[in-house]
Protein backbone atom coordinates (compact mmCIF):
# COMPACT_ATOMS: atom_id res chain seq x y z
CA MET A 1 29.50 -14.07 3.42
CA ASN A 2 31.39 -11.46 1.43
CA THR A 3 28.93 -9.10 -0.26
CA ASP A 4 31.51 -8.39 -2.98
CA TYR A 5 30.98 -11.98 -4.10
CA LEU A 6 27.21 -11.46 -4.15
CA GLU A 7 27.64 -8.32 -6.23
CA SER A 8 29.82 -10.19 -8.72
CA PHE A 9 27.14 -12.87 -9.02
CA THR A 10 24.32 -10.35 -9.61
CA ARG A 11 26.38 -8.50 -12.22
CA VAL A 12 27.03 -11.73 -14.11
CA VAL A 13 23.29 -12.50 -14.09
CA GLU A 14 22.50 -8.99 -15.35
CA CYS A 15 25.14 -9.06 -18.09
CA ASN A 16 24.97 -12.77 -19.05
CA SER A 17 28.73 -12.46 -19.37
CA LEU A 18 31.75 -12.86 -17.09
CA ALA A 19 33.79 -10.46 -19.21
CA GLU A 20 31.16 -7.68 -19.16
CA ALA A 21 30.57 -8.12 -15.44
CA ALA A 22 34.32 -7.87 -14.86
CA ARG A 23 34.52 -4.70 -16.95
CA ARG A 24 31.76 -3.04 -14.90
CA LEU A 25 33.34 -4.15 -11.62
CA ARG A 26 36.80 -3.12 -12.86
CA ILE A 27 38.38 -6.47 -12.04
CA THR A 28 39.52 -9.38 -14.22
CA PRO A 29 37.15 -12.08 -15.51
CA GLY A 30 39.24 -14.59 -13.58
CA ALA A 31 38.59 -12.71 -10.33
CA VAL A 32 34.85 -12.69 -11.04
CA ALA A 33 34.88 -16.42 -11.73
CA ALA A 34 36.85 -17.06 -8.52
CA ARG A 35 34.39 -15.02 -6.44
CA ILE A 36 31.42 -16.93 -7.80
CA ARG A 37 33.19 -20.24 -7.27
CA ILE A 38 33.80 -19.38 -3.59
CA LEU A 39 30.14 -18.28 -3.24
CA GLU A 40 28.98 -21.58 -4.75
CA GLU A 41 31.16 -23.49 -2.27
CA GLU A 42 29.67 -21.52 0.65
CA LEU A 43 26.10 -22.15 -0.50
CA GLY A 44 26.70 -25.72 -1.67
CA VAL A 45 25.00 -25.23 -5.05
CA ALA A 46 25.96 -24.19 -8.57
CA LEU A 47 24.81 -20.63 -9.32
CA ILE A 48 25.75 -20.14 -12.98
CA GLN A 49 26.13 -22.28 -16.07
CA ARG A 50 27.98 -21.54 -19.30
CA SER A 51 26.44 -21.93 -22.75
CA GLY A 52 29.09 -20.94 -25.27
CA ALA A 53 30.03 -17.32 -24.60
CA THR A 54 26.85 -16.74 -22.61
CA VAL A 55 26.51 -17.26 -18.87
CA LYS A 56 23.11 -17.92 -17.32
CA PRO A 57 21.95 -18.52 -13.75
CA THR A 58 20.99 -22.01 -12.66
CA GLU A 59 17.65 -22.68 -10.99
CA ALA A 60 19.34 -22.17 -7.61
CA GLY A 61 20.92 -18.96 -8.91
CA LEU A 62 17.52 -17.61 -9.92
CA ARG A 63 16.12 -18.45 -6.47
CA ILE A 64 18.72 -16.35 -4.65
CA TYR A 65 19.07 -13.51 -7.18
CA ASP A 66 16.29 -11.24 -5.82
CA ARG A 67 17.35 -11.85 -2.22
CA ALA A 68 20.95 -11.03 -3.15
CA LEU A 69 19.80 -7.70 -4.60
CA ASP A 70 17.90 -6.96 -1.39
CA LEU A 71 20.96 -7.73 0.75
CA LEU A 72 23.15 -5.46 -1.37
CA GLN A 73 20.59 -2.64 -1.16
CA ASN A 74 20.36 -3.11 2.60
CA GLU A 75 24.14 -2.88 2.87
CA ARG A 76 24.13 0.40 0.91
CA ASP A 77 21.38 1.76 3.17
CA LEU A 78 23.36 0.87 6.29
CA LYS A 79 26.50 2.52 4.93
CA ALA A 80 24.54 5.66 4.14
CA VAL A 81 23.14 5.80 7.67
CA ALA A 82 26.57 5.25 9.19
CA ALA A 83 28.21 7.89 7.00
CA THR A 84 25.60 10.66 7.06
CA GLY A 85 23.07 9.77 9.73
CA SER A 86 20.35 9.78 7.06
CA ILE A 87 18.38 6.93 5.54
CA GLU A 88 18.63 6.31 1.82
CA GLY A 89 17.15 3.73 -0.50
CA GLU A 90 13.87 2.70 -2.09
CA ILE A 91 10.56 1.49 -0.73
CA GLN A 92 7.78 -0.38 -2.54
CA LEU A 93 4.50 1.10 -1.29
CA GLY A 94 0.92 0.08 -2.11
CA ALA A 95 -2.34 2.01 -1.80
CA PHE A 96 -6.02 1.16 -2.20
CA PRO A 97 -7.58 2.95 -5.24
CA SER A 98 -9.46 5.79 -3.53
CA GLY A 99 -6.50 6.30 -1.21
CA LEU A 100 -4.34 7.30 -4.18
CA THR A 101 -5.81 10.80 -4.18
CA THR A 102 -6.55 11.13 -0.46
CA HIS A 103 -4.49 9.27 2.13
CA LEU A 104 -1.39 8.66 -0.03
CA PRO A 105 -0.67 12.34 -0.86
CA ALA A 106 -1.32 13.32 2.77
CA LEU A 107 1.32 10.80 3.87
CA LEU A 108 3.90 11.29 1.11
CA GLU A 109 4.00 15.10 1.16
CA PRO A 110 5.69 15.34 4.59
CA PHE A 111 7.55 12.02 4.20
CA CYS A 112 9.23 13.03 0.92
CA SER A 113 9.99 16.48 2.31
CA ARG A 114 11.67 14.94 5.35
CA HIS A 115 13.49 12.22 3.35
CA PRO A 116 14.30 13.53 -0.15
CA GLU A 117 16.94 10.81 -0.52
CA ILE A 118 14.34 7.99 -0.39
CA SER A 119 12.74 6.78 -3.62
CA VAL A 120 9.12 5.60 -3.39
CA GLN A 121 7.66 3.15 -5.93
CA VAL A 122 3.84 3.08 -5.73
CA GLN A 123 1.39 0.36 -6.79
CA TYR A 124 -2.38 0.35 -6.36
CA ASP A 125 -4.74 -2.56 -5.95
CA ALA A 126 -7.65 -3.77 -3.85
CA SER A 127 -6.83 -3.89 -0.15
CA ASP A 128 -7.08 -7.69 0.06
CA ALA A 129 -4.55 -8.04 -2.78
CA LEU A 130 -2.23 -5.45 -1.23
CA CYS A 131 -2.15 -7.37 2.06
CA GLY A 132 -1.19 -10.49 0.12
CA LYS A 133 1.64 -8.66 -1.65
CA VAL A 134 3.00 -7.30 1.63
CA HIS A 135 2.92 -10.80 3.11
CA ALA A 136 4.75 -12.23 0.07
CA GLY A 137 7.43 -9.52 0.17
CA GLN A 138 6.35 -7.98 -3.13
CA LEU A 139 5.56 -4.75 -1.27
CA ASP A 140 7.25 -3.33 1.81
CA ALA A 141 4.12 -1.59 3.09
CA ALA A 142 0.65 -0.56 1.95
CA LEU A 143 -2.19 1.79 2.80
CA VAL A 144 -5.26 -0.44 3.01
CA ILE A 145 -8.83 -0.70 4.15
CA GLU A 146 -8.63 -3.14 7.05
CA PRO A 147 -9.44 -6.59 5.61
CA PRO A 148 -12.16 -8.82 7.05
CA PHE A 149 -9.70 -11.69 7.47
CA ALA A 150 -6.65 -12.42 9.58
CA VAL A 151 -3.41 -11.78 7.71
CA PRO A 152 -0.13 -13.60 8.46
CA LYS A 153 1.95 -12.95 11.55
CA ASN A 154 4.89 -11.62 9.53
CA CYS A 155 2.84 -8.42 9.05
CA GLU A 156 1.86 -5.59 11.36
CA MET A 157 -0.84 -2.98 10.92
CA LEU A 158 -1.28 0.47 12.37
CA THR A 159 -4.84 1.83 12.34
CA LEU A 160 -4.74 5.37 10.92
CA GLN A 161 -8.41 6.32 10.78
CA GLU A 162 -11.84 5.02 11.73
CA GLU A 163 -14.54 6.23 9.33
CA PRO A 164 -18.21 5.64 10.27
CA LEU A 165 -20.81 5.30 7.52
CA VAL A 166 -22.89 8.43 6.91
CA VAL A 167 -25.54 9.50 4.41
CA ILE A 168 -24.45 12.35 2.14
CA ALA A 169 -26.90 14.51 0.17
CA PRO A 170 -26.66 17.62 -2.05
CA LEU A 171 -27.09 20.86 -0.15
CA PRO A 172 -29.67 22.52 -2.49
CA ASP A 173 -32.26 19.99 -1.33
CA SER A 174 -31.26 20.20 2.33
CA ASP A 175 -34.64 21.69 3.38
CA ALA A 176 -36.47 18.70 1.94
CA TYR A 177 -33.89 16.25 3.25
CA GLY A 178 -33.81 17.87 6.67
CA ALA A 179 -37.33 16.61 7.34
CA MET A 180 -36.24 13.00 6.78
CA ASP A 181 -34.07 10.73 8.84
CA ALA A 182 -31.17 8.90 7.19
CA HIS A 183 -33.12 5.68 6.55
CA GLU A 184 -36.05 7.49 4.97
CA LEU A 185 -33.70 9.45 2.75
CA LEU A 186 -31.93 6.29 1.60
CA THR A 187 -35.19 4.71 0.44
CA THR A 188 -36.79 7.86 -1.01
CA ALA A 189 -34.11 9.71 -3.01
CA PRO A 190 -32.21 8.26 -6.00
CA PHE A 191 -29.34 6.22 -4.60
CA ILE A 192 -25.69 6.16 -5.70
CA ARG A 193 -24.25 2.89 -4.43
CA TYR A 194 -20.65 2.16 -3.48
CA HIS A 195 -19.89 -0.87 -5.69
CA ARG A 196 -20.59 -4.11 -3.87
CA SER A 197 -17.36 -5.72 -5.08
CA SER A 198 -15.26 -3.30 -3.00
CA SER A 199 -14.49 -3.49 0.72
CA SER A 200 -16.43 -0.30 1.43
CA GLY A 201 -19.29 -1.39 -0.82
CA LYS A 202 -19.62 -4.64 1.11
CA LEU A 203 -19.84 -2.66 4.35
CA VAL A 204 -22.62 -0.49 2.86
CA ASP A 205 -24.45 -3.49 1.44
CA ARG A 206 -24.38 -5.32 4.76
CA TYR A 207 -25.84 -2.31 6.58
CA LEU A 208 -28.68 -1.96 4.04
CA LYS A 209 -29.55 -5.65 4.30
CA ASP A 210 -29.33 -5.72 8.10
CA HIS A 211 -31.86 -2.86 8.27
CA ASN A 212 -34.07 -4.11 5.44
CA LEU A 213 -33.49 -0.97 3.37
CA HIS A 214 -34.16 -1.08 -0.38
CA PRO A 215 -32.85 2.09 -2.08
CA ARG A 216 -33.91 3.30 -5.53
CA GLN A 217 -30.54 2.66 -7.08
CA ARG A 218 -29.45 4.95 -9.91
CA ILE A 219 -25.68 4.38 -10.16
CA GLU A 220 -23.22 1.83 -8.75
CA ILE A 221 -19.52 2.70 -8.84
CA ASP A 222 -16.29 1.89 -6.98
CA SER A 223 -14.91 5.40 -6.40
CA LEU A 224 -15.56 7.47 -3.28
CA LEU A 225 -14.53 10.77 -4.85
CA THR A 226 -16.72 10.13 -7.91
CA ILE A 227 -19.69 9.35 -5.65
CA VAL A 228 -19.10 12.62 -3.79
CA ALA A 229 -18.94 14.55 -7.08
CA LEU A 230 -22.19 12.94 -8.29
CA VAL A 231 -23.97 13.80 -5.04
CA GLU A 232 -22.70 17.38 -5.23
CA ARG A 233 -24.29 17.65 -8.68
CA GLY A 234 -27.66 16.59 -7.29
CA ILE A 235 -27.83 13.22 -9.02
CA GLY A 236 -28.69 11.36 -5.83
CA VAL A 237 -27.73 10.53 -2.26
CA SER A 238 -25.29 7.94 -1.00
CA LEU A 239 -24.12 5.94 2.01
CA VAL A 240 -20.34 6.21 2.35
CA PRO A 241 -17.51 6.19 4.92
CA ASP A 242 -17.11 9.64 6.49
CA SER A 243 -13.62 10.09 5.06
CA PHE A 244 -11.47 13.15 5.69
CA SER A 245 -11.30 13.46 1.88
CA ILE A 246 -14.97 14.55 1.79
CA SER A 247 -15.05 18.31 2.25
CA TYR A 248 -18.18 19.92 3.67
CA ARG A 249 -16.58 23.36 3.89
CA ASP A 250 -17.68 24.38 0.39
CA ARG A 251 -21.32 24.01 1.55
CA ARG A 252 -22.30 21.77 -1.36
CA LEU A 253 -22.92 18.67 0.74
CA ILE A 254 -24.68 17.75 3.94
CA LYS A 255 -24.26 14.57 5.94
CA LEU A 256 -26.78 12.75 8.07
CA PRO A 257 -25.74 10.28 10.79
CA LEU A 258 -27.26 6.82 10.85
CA PRO A 259 -29.82 6.26 13.60
CA ASP A 260 -28.47 2.90 14.77
CA ARG A 261 -25.07 1.43 15.59
CA THR A 262 -22.84 2.66 12.78
CA PRO A 263 -20.44 0.39 10.87
CA ILE A 264 -16.84 1.61 10.81
CA ARG A 265 -14.37 1.50 7.94
CA LYS A 266 -10.79 1.33 9.25
CA ILE A 267 -7.88 2.67 7.22
CA GLY A 268 -4.44 1.37 8.12
CA LEU A 269 -0.81 0.99 7.16
CA VAL A 270 0.33 -2.62 6.92
CA TRP A 271 3.96 -3.63 6.57
CA ASN A 272 6.19 -6.70 6.42
CA ARG A 273 8.25 -7.08 9.60
CA HIS A 274 10.88 -9.08 7.69
CA SER A 275 11.43 -6.55 4.91
CA PRO A 276 15.10 -5.69 4.29
CA ARG A 277 14.03 -2.03 4.31
CA LEU A 278 12.74 -1.86 7.88
CA ALA A 279 14.68 1.33 8.59
CA ILE A 280 12.75 3.16 5.85
CA ILE A 281 9.46 1.51 6.85
CA SER A 282 9.99 2.67 10.43
CA GLU A 283 10.32 6.26 9.21
CA LEU A 284 7.15 5.86 7.13
CA VAL A 285 5.21 4.46 10.11
CA ASP A 286 6.37 7.31 12.33
CA GLN A 287 5.29 9.83 9.70
CA ALA A 288 1.89 8.13 9.38
CA ARG A 289 1.38 8.44 13.14
CA ARG A 290 2.00 12.17 12.96
CA VAL A 291 -0.10 12.80 9.84
CA PHE A 292 -3.15 10.85 10.93
CA ALA A 293 -2.84 11.53 14.68
CA THR A 294 -3.12 7.90 15.75
CA THR A 295 -2.16 8.48 19.37
CA ASP A 296 -5.26 6.69 20.61
CA HIS A 297 -4.71 3.61 18.44
CA GLU A 298 -2.44 0.69 19.09
CA ASP A 299 -0.43 -1.35 16.62
CA LYS A 300 -2.32 -4.46 15.65
CA ASN A 301 -0.59 -7.74 14.81
CA PHE A 302 -2.28 -9.96 12.26
């Protein structure tokens, strides 16, 4: 299939006009019409329909329009690689909410420095929703908290970090807290709960129920960094994943390990193996391996 014909079709859809599409392509309207006619013969369906001076895509034309754009972008990426040895283009990347200020910047700083020619479009959503968007092709890849369900086989996931649950408490009260174990602290001090609607909150809630712990809840919120800030201010204690984003170097927090088998939150990068931008995704995955030092993890197919 001649990609020039696909480009003519997409330009007609964008302009709703054969004449305007021809002007932008610098060919005659007759040549544009001929290209689309040949494309329709190859596909066996009508792609456009005329309504007066306006041209609109048919239902079949709408179905192939987005895929045609992807194929044209992929062709441009391949030409760039062949000509310069570099990878150019755009990637649609997702991130879970708390990862926007932690894992995402850690990944994009070196990636953008290494590939300044690549444009990154970022969306954020809950991890379950992000996995669905990657599966549907609405995103090329996403930073997610590993979901509790099996995702389709057209996706792959690389585990980046494993974060055990820990109790965090404000340092000024460390003498008092030091005399308590983690379970006693959770049921004695005011408790700041990771919201139960979130993936991490469900992990926390399950641990509390499994160990018959009933904290004196003060606040419930779905934001790891906000929970950390509230604990630092002495408002309460919390049970959270031991994320690299929590800094203990400023000596304003202490953490206490759980006495029993500790639940683990896994952070990963999931991507669509059938994305037309696999060359860019491959570079992103390689960068993620380096940033998060995942040498002891294996790729996991879902």
